[in-house]
Amino acid sequence: MTVYALAQIRIHDRARYERYVAGFMPILIQYGGRLLAAQEQPEPLQGDWPFDKIILMSFKDRESWRRWAMSPEYQEIAKDRVAATDGTVLLIDGIDAQPPISR
């Protein structure tokens, strides 16, 4: 089942974060992930939102996400993300989109 990773971050070291961003896409693609959305200062429609950026990625399944997240390549660049940002990352299970069978 497809899983989604949703990151909400505050950036406090722009140079280090940009170094992370520079290496991000090739590694994501290498491990079969897809970047679905990434935006700084999205428009909050309801409630407070204390972050600077939101990122939404998808993976074929939890194992695919795990291979990417734990890969040596990602772990190396993630050092810059961890040092440059604060925030929340959620792993979300997709919904099986099969329509119900009519009887």
C-alpha atoms as a PDB file:
ATOM      1  CA  MET A   1       0.000   0.000   0.000  1.00  0.00           C
ATOM      2  CA  THR A   2       1.265   3.483  -0.865  1.00  0.00           C
ATOM      3  CA  VAL A   3       2.631   5.514   2.032  1.00  0.00           C
ATOM      4  CA  TYR A   4       3.121   9.257   2.232  1.00  0.00           C
ATOM      5  CA  ALA A   5       5.750  11.167   4.156  1.00  0.00           C
ATOM      6  CA  LEU A   6       4.636  14.653   5.174  1.00  0.00           C
ATOM      7  CA  ALA A   7       7.272  17.003   6.584  1.00  0.00           C
ATOM      8  CA  GLN A   8       6.507  20.357   8.195  1.00  0.00           C
ATOM      9  CA  ILE A   9       9.695  22.266   8.943  1.00  0.00           C
ATOM     10  CA  ARG A  10      11.147  25.517  10.226  1.00  0.00           C
ATOM     11  CA  ILE A  11      14.436  26.435   8.565  1.00  0.00           C
ATOM     12  CA  HIS A  12      17.022  28.103  10.814  1.00  0.00           C
ATOM     13  CA  ASP A  13      20.192  27.529   8.748  1.00  0.00           C
ATOM     14  CA  ARG A  14      19.394  28.315   5.114  1.00  0.00           C
ATOM     15  CA  ALA A  15      22.871  27.466   3.731  1.00  0.00           C
ATOM     16  CA  ARG A  16      22.892  24.016   5.302  1.00  0.00           C
ATOM     17  CA  TYR A  17      19.317  23.343   4.247  1.00  0.00           C
ATOM     18  CA  GLU A  18      20.118  24.292   0.640  1.00  0.00           C
ATOM     19  CA  ARG A  19      23.036  21.837   0.689  1.00  0.00           C
ATOM     20  CA  TYR A  20      20.547  19.121   1.730  1.00  0.00           C
ATOM     21  CA  VAL A  21      18.102  20.149  -1.003  1.00  0.00           C
ATOM     22  CA  ALA A  22      20.857  19.963  -3.642  1.00  0.00           C
ATOM     23  CA  GLY A  23      21.357  16.244  -2.993  1.00  0.00           C
ATOM     24  CA  PHE A  24      17.756  15.294  -2.195  1.00  0.00           C
ATOM     25  CA  MET A  25      16.064  14.540  -5.550  1.00  0.00           C
ATOM     26  CA  PRO A  26      18.612  12.109  -7.034  1.00  0.00           C
ATOM     27  CA  ILE A  27      18.476   9.981  -3.887  1.00  0.00           C
ATOM     28  CA  LEU A  28      14.687  10.110  -3.661  1.00  0.00           C
ATOM     29  CA  ILE A  29      14.387   9.001  -7.292  1.00  0.00           C
ATOM     30  CA  GLN A  30      17.057   6.313  -6.866  1.00  0.00           C
ATOM     31  CA  TYR A  31      14.920   4.703  -4.148  1.00  0.00           C
ATOM     32  CA  GLY A  32      11.616   5.003  -6.004  1.00  0.00           C
ATOM     33  CA  GLY A  33      10.167   7.907  -4.045  1.00  0.00           C
ATOM     34  CA  ARG A  34       8.127  10.697  -5.612  1.00  0.00           C
ATOM     35  CA  LEU A  35       8.041  14.320  -4.550  1.00  0.00           C
ATOM     36  CA  LEU A  36       4.374  15.326  -4.763  1.00  0.00           C
ATOM     37  CA  ALA A  37       4.506  18.835  -3.284  1.00  0.00           C
ATOM     38  CA  ALA A  38       6.985  21.177  -1.644  1.00  0.00           C
ATOM     39  CA  GLN A  39       6.212  24.772  -0.776  1.00  0.00           C
ATOM     40  CA  GLU A  40       7.522  27.470   1.481  1.00  0.00           C
ATOM     41  CA  GLN A  41       4.856  29.553   3.183  1.00  0.00           C
ATOM     42  CA  PRO A  42       1.741  27.667   2.047  1.00  0.00           C
ATOM     43  CA  GLU A  43      -1.588  29.326   2.778  1.00  0.00           C
ATOM     44  CA  PRO A  44      -3.047  28.081   6.071  1.00  0.00           C
ATOM     45  CA  LEU A  45      -6.810  27.807   5.689  1.00  0.00           C
ATOM     46  CA  GLN A  46      -7.635  27.034   9.299  1.00  0.00           C
ATOM     47  CA  GLY A  47      -5.691  27.235  12.555  1.00  0.00           C
ATOM     48  CA  ASP A  48      -2.127  28.252  13.293  1.00  0.00           C
ATOM     49  CA  TRP A  49       0.750  26.848  11.283  1.00  0.00           C
ATOM     50  CA  PRO A  50       4.157  27.621  12.845  1.00  0.00           C
ATOM     51  CA  PHE A  51       6.365  26.204  10.089  1.00  0.00           C
ATOM     52  CA  ASP A  52       8.165  27.599   7.007  1.00  0.00           C
ATOM     53  CA  LYS A  53       7.798  24.745   4.532  1.00  0.00           C
ATOM     54  CA  ILE A  54       5.748  21.637   3.819  1.00  0.00           C
ATOM     55  CA  ILE A  55       6.960  18.638   1.810  1.00  0.00           C
ATOM     56  CA  LEU A  56       4.845  15.687   0.637  1.00  0.00           C
ATOM     57  CA  MET A  57       6.425  12.516  -0.777  1.00  0.00           C
ATOM     58  CA  SER A  58       5.046   9.118  -1.732  1.00  0.00           C
ATOM     59  CA  PHE A  59       6.536   5.641  -1.700  1.00  0.00           C
ATOM     60  CA  LYS A  60       5.217   2.329  -3.008  1.00  0.00           C
ATOM     61  CA  ASP A  61       5.045   0.908   0.517  1.00  0.00           C
ATOM     62  CA  ARG A  62       6.594   1.222   3.986  1.00  0.00           C
ATOM     63  CA  GLU A  63       9.549  -0.953   3.015  1.00  0.00           C
ATOM     64  CA  SER A  64      10.369   1.357   0.086  1.00  0.00           C
ATOM     65  CA  TRP A  65      10.210   4.349   2.419  1.00  0.00           C
ATOM     66  CA  ARG A  66      12.439   2.572   4.939  1.00  0.00           C
ATOM     67  CA  ARG A  67      15.039   1.671   2.271  1.00  0.00           C
ATOM     68  CA  TRP A  68      15.208   5.334   1.233  1.00  0.00           C
ATOM     69  CA  ALA A  69      15.193   6.813   4.749  1.00  0.00           C
ATOM     70  CA  MET A  70      17.841   4.395   6.059  1.00  0.00           C
ATOM     71  CA  SER A  71      20.020   4.348   2.951  1.00  0.00           C
ATOM     72  CA  PRO A  72      23.637   5.466   3.391  1.00  0.00           C
ATOM     73  CA  GLU A  73      23.118   8.087   0.683  1.00  0.00           C
ATOM     74  CA  TYR A  74      20.138   9.678   2.415  1.00  0.00           C
ATOM     75  CA  GLN A  75      21.645   9.394   5.893  1.00  0.00           C
ATOM     76  CA  GLU A  76      24.660  11.355   4.660  1.00  0.00           C
ATOM     77  CA  ILE A  77      22.639  14.339   3.368  1.00  0.00           C
ATOM     78  CA  ALA A  78      20.073  14.132   6.195  1.00  0.00           C
ATOM     79  CA  LYS A  79      22.757  15.391   8.595  1.00  0.00           C
ATOM     80  CA  ASP A  80      22.331  18.824   7.010  1.00  0.00           C
ATOM     81  CA  ARG A  81      18.517  18.687   7.219  1.00  0.00           C
ATOM     82  CA  VAL A  82      18.598  17.727  10.891  1.00  0.00           C
ATOM     83  CA  ALA A  83      21.097  20.485  11.696  1.00  0.00           C
ATOM     84  CA  ALA A  84      19.294  23.141   9.625  1.00  0.00           C
ATOM     85  CA  THR A  85      15.628  22.553  10.511  1.00  0.00           C
ATOM     86  CA  ASP A  86      13.143  21.768  13.246  1.00  0.00           C
ATOM     87  CA  GLY A  87       9.787  20.229  12.573  1.00  0.00           C
ATOM     88  CA  THR A  88       7.558  17.232  12.295  1.00  0.00           C
ATOM     89  CA  VAL A  89       7.631  14.334   9.833  1.00  0.00           C
ATOM     90  CA  LEU A  90       4.651  11.997   9.589  1.00  0.00           C
ATOM     91  CA  LEU A  91       4.375   8.661   7.789  1.00  0.00           C
ATOM     92  CA  ILE A  92       0.814   8.158   6.543  1.00  0.00           C
ATOM     93  CA  ASP A  93      -0.768   5.024   5.091  1.00  0.00           C
ATOM     94  CA  GLY A  94      -2.615   5.525   1.819  1.00  0.00           C
ATOM     95  CA  ILE A  95      -6.206   4.447   1.333  1.00  0.00           C
ATOM     96  CA  ASP A  96      -7.065   1.445  -0.804  1.00  0.00           C
ATOM     97  CA  ALA A  97      -8.950   3.131  -3.660  1.00  0.00           C
ATOM     98  CA  GLN A  98     -10.755  -0.002  -4.818  1.00  0.00           C
ATOM     99  CA  PRO A  99     -14.490   0.680  -5.166  1.00  0.00           C
ATOM    100  CA  PRO A 100     -16.773  -1.577  -3.129  1.00  0.00           C
ATOM    101  CA  ILE A 101     -18.252  -4.557  -4.962  1.00  0.00           C
ATOM    102  CA  SER A 102     -21.935  -4.083  -5.762  1.00  0.00           C
ATOM    103  CA  ARG A 103     -24.249  -6.921  -4.864  1.00  0.00           C
END
